[in-house]
Amino acid sequence: MGILWTIVIGFVAGVVAKFIMPGDNEPSGFILTTILGIVGAFVATWLGQALGWYSASQGAGFIGATVGAILVLFVYGMIAKRRGTGV
């Protein structure tokens, strides 16, 4: 149930992160935005467990997943800007 919950939280966090951090180099598609949000939730869970904020059985909460999604969207925007392809 932990992975499924992380996916659901990441989906919502990706949508929220897109509203918080809009931009030209950010993904404009709904599916890509939610996938990056899910990746952000997994990144936040992994980072939180690596730093000792969460135990091995815990996942990132909504705020942590949103911050992770914002980080992933920021990195995606930097890569898209460097490649010169604003998706």
PDB file of N, CA and C in Angstrom:
ATOM      1  N   MET A   1       0.824  -1.193   0.000  1.00  0.00           N
ATOM      2  CA  MET A   1       0.000   0.000   0.000  1.00  0.00           C
ATOM      3  C   MET A   1       0.866   1.254   0.000  1.00  0.00           C
ATOM      4  N   GLY A   2       2.107   1.186   0.473  1.00  0.00           N
ATOM      5  CA  GLY A   2       2.975   2.351   0.556  1.00  0.00           C
ATOM      6  C   GLY A   2       3.304   2.938  -0.805  1.00  0.00           C
ATOM      7  N   ILE A   3       3.612   2.088  -1.779  1.00  0.00           N
ATOM      8  CA  ILE A   3       3.959   2.577  -3.114  1.00  0.00           C
ATOM      9  C   ILE A   3       2.722   3.175  -3.783  1.00  0.00           C
ATOM     10  N   LEU A   4       1.577   2.534  -3.623  1.00  0.00           N
ATOM     11  CA  LEU A   4       0.344   3.055  -4.209  1.00  0.00           C
ATOM     12  C   LEU A   4      -0.006   4.422  -3.619  1.00  0.00           C
ATOM     13  N   TRP A   5       0.167   4.559  -2.313  1.00  0.00           N
ATOM     14  CA  TRP A   5      -0.100   5.840  -1.661  1.00  0.00           C
ATOM     15  C   TRP A   5       0.863   6.914  -2.149  1.00  0.00           C
ATOM     16  N   THR A   6       2.122   6.572  -2.349  1.00  0.00           N
ATOM     17  CA  THR A   6       3.106   7.521  -2.869  1.00  0.00           C
ATOM     18  C   THR A   6       2.726   7.977  -4.271  1.00  0.00           C
ATOM     19  N   ILE A   7       2.211   7.071  -5.084  1.00  0.00           N
ATOM     20  CA  ILE A   7       1.788   7.433  -6.438  1.00  0.00           C
ATOM     21  C   ILE A   7       0.598   8.387  -6.395  1.00  0.00           C
ATOM     22  N   VAL A   8      -0.369   8.103  -5.527  1.00  0.00           N
ATOM     23  CA  VAL A   8      -1.550   8.972  -5.431  1.00  0.00           C
ATOM     24  C   VAL A   8      -1.148  10.355  -4.926  1.00  0.00           C
ATOM     25  N   ILE A   9      -0.337  10.396  -3.873  1.00  0.00           N
ATOM     26  CA  ILE A   9       0.131  11.679  -3.337  1.00  0.00           C
ATOM     27  C   ILE A   9       0.968  12.413  -4.386  1.00  0.00           C
ATOM     28  N   GLY A  10       1.808  11.696  -5.109  1.00  0.00           N
ATOM     29  CA  GLY A  10       2.631  12.307  -6.153  1.00  0.00           C
ATOM     30  C   GLY A  10       1.805  12.873  -7.283  1.00  0.00           C
ATOM     31  N   PHE A  11       0.724  12.204  -7.626  1.00  0.00           N
ATOM     32  CA  PHE A  11      -0.176  12.708  -8.660  1.00  0.00           C
ATOM     33  C   PHE A  11      -0.744  14.067  -8.268  1.00  0.00           C
ATOM     34  N   VAL A  12      -1.263  14.149  -7.065  1.00  0.00           N
ATOM     35  CA  VAL A  12      -1.847  15.405  -6.584  1.00  0.00           C
ATOM     36  C   VAL A  12      -0.752  16.456  -6.398  1.00  0.00           C
ATOM     37  N   ALA A  13       0.393  16.043  -5.867  1.00  0.00           N
ATOM     38  CA  ALA A  13       1.491  16.983  -5.651  1.00  0.00           C
ATOM     39  C   ALA A  13       2.015  17.540  -6.967  1.00  0.00           C
ATOM     40  N   GLY A  14       2.031  16.742  -8.023  1.00  0.00           N
ATOM     41  CA  GLY A  14       2.467  17.223  -9.332  1.00  0.00           C
ATOM     42  C   GLY A  14       1.558  18.305  -9.876  1.00  0.00           C
ATOM     43  N   VAL A  15       0.261  18.132  -9.683  1.00  0.00           N
ATOM     44  CA  VAL A  15      -0.691  19.135 -10.136  1.00  0.00           C
ATOM     45  C   VAL A  15      -0.526  20.423  -9.332  1.00  0.00           C
ATOM     46  N   VAL A  16      -0.374  20.288  -8.013  1.00  0.00           N
ATOM     47  CA  VAL A  16      -0.190  21.460  -7.159  1.00  0.00           C
ATOM     48  C   VAL A  16       1.125  22.158  -7.490  1.00  0.00           C
ATOM     49  N   ALA A  17       2.193  21.388  -7.709  1.00  0.00           N
ATOM     50  CA  ALA A  17       3.493  21.972  -8.033  1.00  0.00           C
ATOM     51  C   ALA A  17       3.442  22.733  -9.350  1.00  0.00           C
ATOM     52  N   LYS A  18       2.665  22.244 -10.302  1.00  0.00           N
ATOM     53  CA  LYS A  18       2.538  22.943 -11.579  1.00  0.00           C
ATOM     54  C   LYS A  18       1.849  24.293 -11.399  1.00  0.00           C
ATOM     55  N   PHE A  19       0.859  24.355 -10.487  1.00  0.00           N
ATOM     56  CA  PHE A  19       0.202  25.633 -10.217  1.00  0.00           C
ATOM     57  C   PHE A  19       1.120  26.582  -9.453  1.00  0.00           C
ATOM     58  N   ILE A  20       1.971  26.038  -8.585  1.00  0.00           N
ATOM     59  CA  ILE A  20       2.891  26.865  -7.809  1.00  0.00           C
ATOM     60  C   ILE A  20       4.021  27.383  -8.680  1.00  0.00           C
ATOM     61  N   MET A  21       4.505  26.547  -9.592  1.00  0.00           N
ATOM     62  CA  MET A  21       5.692  26.880 -10.374  1.00  0.00           C
ATOM     63  C   MET A  21       5.403  26.794 -11.874  1.00  0.00           C
ATOM     64  N   PRO A  22       4.587  27.698 -12.415  1.00  0.00           N
ATOM     65  CA  PRO A  22       4.370  27.677 -13.864  1.00  0.00           C
ATOM     66  C   PRO A  22       5.556  28.297 -14.586  1.00  0.00           C
ATOM     67  N   GLY A  23       5.721  27.971 -15.837  1.00  0.00           N
ATOM     68  CA  GLY A  23       6.816  28.557 -16.601  1.00  0.00           C
ATOM     69  C   GLY A  23       6.818  28.063 -18.028  1.00  0.00           C
ATOM     70  N   ASP A  24       7.649  28.704 -18.857  1.00  0.00           N
ATOM     71  CA  ASP A  24       7.726  28.340 -20.266  1.00  0.00           C
ATOM     72  C   ASP A  24       8.416  27.004 -20.484  1.00  0.00           C
ATOM     73  N   ASN A  25       9.436  26.696 -19.684  1.00  0.00           N
ATOM     74  CA  ASN A  25      10.191  25.470 -19.872  1.00  0.00           C
ATOM     75  C   ASN A  25       9.634  24.295 -19.072  1.00  0.00           C
ATOM     76  N   GLU A  26       8.531  24.492 -18.432  1.00  0.00           N
ATOM     77  CA  GLU A  26       7.927  23.419 -17.655  1.00  0.00           C
ATOM     78  C   GLU A  26       7.048  22.576 -18.574  1.00  0.00           C
ATOM     79  N   PRO A  27       6.845  21.317 -18.230  1.00  0.00           N
ATOM     80  CA  PRO A  27       6.005  20.471 -19.084  1.00  0.00           C
ATOM     81  C   PRO A  27       4.576  20.988 -19.093  1.00  0.00           C
ATOM     82  N   SER A  28       3.980  21.028 -20.264  1.00  0.00           N
ATOM     83  CA  SER A  28       2.633  21.566 -20.368  1.00  0.00           C
ATOM     84  C   SER A  28       1.579  20.478 -20.399  1.00  0.00           C
ATOM     85  N   GLY A  29       1.974  19.258 -20.648  1.00  0.00           N
ATOM     86  CA  GLY A  29       1.018  18.169 -20.706  1.00  0.00           C
ATOM     87  C   GLY A  29       0.631  17.666 -19.324  1.00  0.00           C
ATOM     88  N   PHE A  30      -0.623  17.316 -19.188  1.00  0.00           N
ATOM     89  CA  PHE A  30      -1.143  16.843 -17.911  1.00  0.00           C
ATOM     90  C   PHE A  30      -0.459  15.546 -17.481  1.00  0.00           C
ATOM     91  N   ILE A  31      -0.258  14.638 -18.414  1.00  0.00           N
ATOM     92  CA  ILE A  31       0.331  13.343 -18.085  1.00  0.00           C
ATOM     93  C   ILE A  31       1.787  13.514 -17.660  1.00  0.00           C
ATOM     94  N   LEU A  32       2.555  14.306 -18.392  1.00  0.00           N
ATOM     95  CA  LEU A  32       3.960  14.515 -18.039  1.00  0.00           C
ATOM     96  C   LEU A  32       4.096  15.231 -16.703  1.00  0.00           C
ATOM     97  N   THR A  33       3.221  16.187 -16.441  1.00  0.00           N
ATOM     98  CA  THR A  33       3.254  16.893 -15.159  1.00  0.00           C
ATOM     99  C   THR A  33       2.977  15.941 -14.000  1.00  0.00           C
ATOM    100  N   THR A  34       1.993  15.070 -14.160  1.00  0.00           N
ATOM    101  CA  THR A  34       1.680  14.138 -13.077  1.00  0.00           C
ATOM    102  C   THR A  34       2.767  13.079 -12.919  1.00  0.00           C
ATOM    103  N   ILE A  35       3.387  12.662 -14.008  1.00  0.00           N
ATOM    104  CA  ILE A  35       4.498  11.698 -13.903  1.00  0.00           C
ATOM    105  C   ILE A  35       5.664  12.331 -13.147  1.00  0.00           C
ATOM    106  N   LEU A  36       5.971  13.586 -13.464  1.00  0.00           N
ATOM    107  CA  LEU A  36       7.036  14.276 -12.738  1.00  0.00           C
ATOM    108  C   LEU A  36       6.659  14.472 -11.268  1.00  0.00           C
ATOM    109  N   GLY A  37       5.389  14.665 -10.986  1.00  0.00           N
ATOM    110  CA  GLY A  37       4.931  14.758  -9.597  1.00  0.00           C
ATOM    111  C   GLY A  37       5.110  13.451  -8.852  1.00  0.00           C
ATOM    112  N   ILE A  38       4.810  12.346  -9.514  1.00  0.00           N
ATOM    113  CA  ILE A  38       5.006  11.031  -8.901  1.00  0.00           C
ATOM    114  C   ILE A  38       6.490  10.785  -8.665  1.00  0.00           C
ATOM    115  N   VAL A  39       7.319  11.143  -9.640  1.00  0.00           N
ATOM    116  CA  VAL A  39       8.772  11.016  -9.459  1.00  0.00           C
ATOM    117  C   VAL A  39       9.225  11.887  -8.289  1.00  0.00           C
ATOM    118  N   GLY A  40       8.665  13.086  -8.182  1.00  0.00           N
ATOM    119  CA  GLY A  40       8.999  13.977  -7.065  1.00  0.00           C
ATOM    120  C   GLY A  40       8.616  13.386  -5.723  1.00  0.00           C
ATOM    121  N   ALA A  41       7.492  12.691  -5.660  1.00  0.00           N
ATOM    122  CA  ALA A  41       7.091  12.046  -4.410  1.00  0.00           C
ATOM    123  C   ALA A  41       8.057  10.926  -4.036  1.00  0.00           C
ATOM    124  N   PHE A  42       8.490  10.161  -5.035  1.00  0.00           N
ATOM    125  CA  PHE A  42       9.478   9.116  -4.757  1.00  0.00           C
ATOM    126  C   PHE A  42      10.825   9.716  -4.345  1.00  0.00           C
ATOM    127  N   VAL A  43      11.211  10.824  -4.982  1.00  0.00           N
ATOM    128  CA  VAL A  43      12.457  11.503  -4.608  1.00  0.00           C
ATOM    129  C   VAL A  43      12.366  12.015  -3.172  1.00  0.00           C
ATOM    130  N   ALA A  44      11.234  12.616  -2.817  1.00  0.00           N
ATOM    131  CA  ALA A  44      11.057  13.128  -1.458  1.00  0.00           C
ATOM    132  C   ALA A  44      11.063  12.002  -0.441  1.00  0.00           C
ATOM    133  N   THR A  45      10.450  10.877  -0.776  1.00  0.00           N
ATOM    134  CA  THR A  45      10.460   9.722   0.129  1.00  0.00           C
ATOM    135  C   THR A  45      11.879   9.199   0.308  1.00  0.00           C
ATOM    136  N   TRP A  46      12.597   9.043  -0.795  1.00  0.00           N
ATOM    137  CA  TRP A  46      13.967   8.526  -0.712  1.00  0.00           C
ATOM    138  C   TRP A  46      14.870   9.486   0.064  1.00  0.00           C
ATOM    139  N   LEU A  47      14.768  10.764  -0.251  1.00  0.00           N
ATOM    140  CA  LEU A  47      15.606  11.759   0.418  1.00  0.00           C
ATOM    141  C   LEU A  47      15.274  11.836   1.906  1.00  0.00           C
ATOM    142  N   GLY A  48      13.992  11.807   2.239  1.00  0.00           N
ATOM    143  CA  GLY A  48      13.585  11.843   3.643  1.00  0.00           C
ATOM    144  C   GLY A  48      14.071  10.626   4.420  1.00  0.00           C
ATOM    145  N   GLN A  49      14.044   9.460   3.782  1.00  0.00           N
ATOM    146  CA  GLN A  49      14.548   8.257   4.439  1.00  0.00           C
ATOM    147  C   GLN A  49      16.070   8.296   4.559  1.00  0.00           C
ATOM    148  N   ALA A  50      16.753   8.843   3.549  1.00  0.00           N
ATOM    149  CA  ALA A  50      18.217   8.936   3.592  1.00  0.00           C
ATOM    150  C   ALA A  50      18.677   9.909   4.678  1.00  0.00           C
ATOM    151  N   LEU A  51      17.907  10.981   4.906  1.00  0.00           N
ATOM    152  CA  LEU A  51      18.266  11.964   5.922  1.00  0.00           C
ATOM    153  C   LEU A  51      17.750  11.595   7.314  1.00  0.00           C
ATOM    154  N   GLY A  52      16.980  10.528   7.391  1.00  0.00           N
ATOM    155  CA  GLY A  52      16.479  10.084   8.683  1.00  0.00           C
ATOM    156  C   GLY A  52      15.191  10.765   9.118  1.00  0.00           C
ATOM    157  N   TRP A  53      14.528  11.476   8.210  1.00  0.00           N
ATOM    158  CA  TRP A  53      13.269  12.137   8.553  1.00  0.00           C
ATOM    159  C   TRP A  53      12.127  11.141   8.617  1.00  0.00           C
ATOM    160  N   TYR A  54      12.189  10.102   7.787  1.00  0.00           N
ATOM    161  CA  TYR A  54      11.165   9.065   7.741  1.00  0.00           C
ATOM    162  C   TYR A  54      11.817   7.724   8.021  1.00  0.00           C
ATOM    163  N   SER A  55      11.052   6.812   8.592  1.00  0.00           N
ATOM    164  CA  SER A  55      11.562   5.448   8.757  1.00  0.00           C
ATOM    165  C   SER A  55      11.413   4.721   7.421  1.00  0.00           C
ATOM    166  N   ALA A  56      11.925   3.508   7.364  1.00  0.00           N
ATOM    167  CA  ALA A  56      11.896   2.749   6.113  1.00  0.00           C
ATOM    168  C   ALA A  56      10.473   2.434   5.666  1.00  0.00           C
ATOM    169  N   SER A  57       9.534   2.375   6.582  1.00  0.00           N
ATOM    170  CA  SER A  57       8.152   2.048   6.216  1.00  0.00           C
ATOM    171  C   SER A  57       7.302   3.282   5.938  1.00  0.00           C
ATOM    172  N   GLN A  58       7.860   4.479   6.117  1.00  0.00           N
ATOM    173  CA  GLN A  58       7.098   5.707   5.900  1.00  0.00           C
ATOM    174  C   GLN A  58       7.431   6.322   4.549  1.00  0.00           C
ATOM    175  N   GLY A  59       6.452   7.016   4.012  1.00  0.00           N
ATOM    176  CA  GLY A  59       6.660   7.753   2.783  1.00  0.00           C
ATOM    177  C   GLY A  59       6.545   9.240   3.058  1.00  0.00           C
ATOM    178  N   ALA A  60       6.864  10.011   2.061  1.00  0.00           N
ATOM    179  CA  ALA A  60       6.748  11.464   2.199  1.00  0.00           C
ATOM    180  C   ALA A  60       5.275  11.845   2.286  1.00  0.00           C
ATOM    181  N   GLY A  61       4.992  12.831   3.079  1.00  0.00           N
ATOM    182  CA  GLY A  61       3.637  13.337   3.165  1.00  0.00           C
ATOM    183  C   GLY A  61       3.344  14.253   1.989  1.00  0.00           C
ATOM    184  N   PHE A  62       2.194  14.885   2.042  1.00  0.00           N
ATOM    185  CA  PHE A  62       1.775  15.733   0.929  1.00  0.00           C
ATOM    186  C   PHE A  62       2.709  16.916   0.729  1.00  0.00           C
ATOM    187  N   ILE A  63       3.119  17.552   1.807  1.00  0.00           N
ATOM    188  CA  ILE A  63       4.012  18.709   1.688  1.00  0.00           C
ATOM    189  C   ILE A  63       5.373  18.281   1.159  1.00  0.00           C
ATOM    190  N   GLY A  64       5.912  17.194   1.689  1.00  0.00           N
ATOM    191  CA  GLY A  64       7.194  16.691   1.204  1.00  0.00           C
ATOM    192  C   GLY A  64       7.136  16.290  -0.261  1.00  0.00           C
ATOM    193  N   ALA A  65       6.036  15.655  -0.654  1.00  0.00           N
ATOM    194  CA  ALA A  65       5.877  15.258  -2.059  1.00  0.00           C
ATOM    195  C   ALA A  65       5.748  16.478  -2.960  1.00  0.00           C
ATOM    196  N   THR A  66       5.075  17.504  -2.485  1.00  0.00           N
ATOM    197  CA  THR A  66       4.944  18.727  -3.273  1.00  0.00           C
ATOM    198  C   THR A  66       6.297  19.405  -3.449  1.00  0.00           C
ATOM    199  N   VAL A  67       7.080  19.461  -2.380  1.00  0.00           N
ATOM    200  CA  VAL A  67       8.430  20.040  -2.474  1.00  0.00           C
ATOM    201  C   VAL A  67       9.290  19.199  -3.424  1.00  0.00           C
ATOM    202  N   GLY A  68       9.187  17.882  -3.328  1.00  0.00           N
ATOM    203  CA  GLY A  68       9.924  17.015  -4.249  1.00  0.00           C
ATOM    204  C   GLY A  68       9.502  17.221  -5.690  1.00  0.00           C
ATOM    205  N   ALA A  69       8.205  17.398  -5.919  1.00  0.00           N
ATOM    206  CA  ALA A  69       7.712  17.641  -7.276  1.00  0.00           C
ATOM    207  C   ALA A  69       8.202  18.981  -7.805  1.00  0.00           C
ATOM    208  N   ILE A  70       8.239  19.987  -6.941  1.00  0.00           N
ATOM    209  CA  ILE A  70       8.764  21.294  -7.356  1.00  0.00           C
ATOM    210  C   ILE A  70      10.235  21.172  -7.730  1.00  0.00           C
ATOM    211  N   LEU A  71      10.999  20.417  -6.953  1.00  0.00           N
ATOM    212  CA  LEU A  71      12.413  20.208  -7.281  1.00  0.00           C
ATOM    213  C   LEU A  71      12.578  19.504  -8.622  1.00  0.00           C
ATOM    214  N   VAL A  72      11.780  18.472  -8.860  1.00  0.00           N
ATOM    215  CA  VAL A  72      11.870  17.747 -10.126  1.00  0.00           C
ATOM    216  C   VAL A  72      11.457  18.648 -11.286  1.00  0.00           C
ATOM    217  N   LEU A  73      10.406  19.446 -11.106  1.00  0.00           N
ATOM    218  CA  LEU A  73       9.996  20.378 -12.156  1.00  0.00           C
ATOM    219  C   LEU A  73      11.076  21.423 -12.425  1.00  0.00           C
ATOM    220  N   PHE A  74      11.762  21.882 -11.373  1.00  0.00           N
ATOM    221  CA  PHE A  74      12.840  22.850 -11.534  1.00  0.00           C
ATOM    222  C   PHE A  74      13.994  22.240 -12.343  1.00  0.00           C
ATOM    223  N   VAL A  75      14.385  21.026 -11.990  1.00  0.00           N
ATOM    224  CA  VAL A  75      15.466  20.356 -12.715  1.00  0.00           C
ATOM    225  C   VAL A  75      15.057  20.110 -14.163  1.00  0.00           C
ATOM    226  N   TYR A  76      13.818  19.694 -14.369  1.00  0.00           N
ATOM    227  CA  TYR A  76      13.322  19.486 -15.731  1.00  0.00           C
ATOM    228  C   TYR A  76      13.373  20.785 -16.534  1.00  0.00           C
ATOM    229  N   GLY A  77      12.975  21.886 -15.908  1.00  0.00           N
ATOM    230  CA  GLY A  77      13.022  23.180 -16.585  1.00  0.00           C
ATOM    231  C   GLY A  77      14.439  23.588 -16.943  1.00  0.00           C
ATOM    232  N   MET A  78      15.392  23.312 -16.055  1.00  0.00           N
ATOM    233  CA  MET A  78      16.791  23.641 -16.344  1.00  0.00           C
ATOM    234  C   MET A  78      17.331  22.800 -17.506  1.00  0.00           C
ATOM    235  N   ILE A  79      16.976  21.529 -17.539  1.00  0.00           N
ATOM    236  CA  ILE A  79      17.434  20.658 -18.621  1.00  0.00           C
ATOM    237  C   ILE A  79      16.797  21.073 -19.938  1.00  0.00           C
ATOM    238  N   ALA A  80      15.504  21.390 -19.915  1.00  0.00           N
ATOM    239  CA  ALA A  80      14.818  21.812 -21.139  1.00  0.00           C
ATOM    240  C   ALA A  80      15.372  23.125 -21.659  1.00  0.00           C
ATOM    241  N   LYS A  81      15.725  24.029 -20.739  1.00  0.00           N
ATOM    242  CA  LYS A  81      16.302  25.322 -21.151  1.00  0.00           C
ATOM    243  C   LYS A  81      17.668  25.114 -21.781  1.00  0.00           C
ATOM    244  N   ARG A  82      18.469  24.211 -21.202  1.00  0.00           N
ATOM    245  CA  ARG A  82      19.816  23.955 -21.720  1.00  0.00           C
ATOM    246  C   ARG A  82      19.740  23.322 -23.107  1.00  0.00           C
ATOM    247  N   ARG A  83      18.785  22.421 -23.310  1.00  0.00           N
ATOM    248  CA  ARG A  83      18.644  21.781 -24.615  1.00  0.00           C
ATOM    249  C   ARG A  83      18.014  22.705 -25.633  1.00  0.00           C
ATOM    250  N   GLY A  84      17.358  23.760 -25.161  1.00  0.00           N
ATOM    251  CA  GLY A  84      16.746  24.696 -26.074  1.00  0.00           C
ATOM    252  C   GLY A  84      15.402  24.245 -26.605  1.00  0.00           C
ATOM    253  N   THR A  85      14.845  23.240 -25.964  1.00  0.00           N
ATOM    254  CA  THR A  85      13.537  22.734 -26.395  1.00  0.00           C
ATOM    255  C   THR A  85      12.541  22.953 -25.288  1.00  0.00           C
ATOM    256  N   GLY A  86      11.876  24.045 -25.310  1.00  0.00           N
ATOM    257  CA  GLY A  86      10.837  24.328 -24.330  1.00  0.00           C
ATOM    258  C   GLY A  86       9.612  23.501 -24.626  1.00  0.00           C
ATOM    259  N   VAL A  87       9.449  22.410 -23.915  1.00  0.00           N
ATOM    260  CA  VAL A  87       8.339  21.480 -24.159  1.00  0.00           C
ATOM    261  C   VAL A  87       7.054  22.067 -23.653  1.00  0.00           C
TER     262      VAL A  87
END
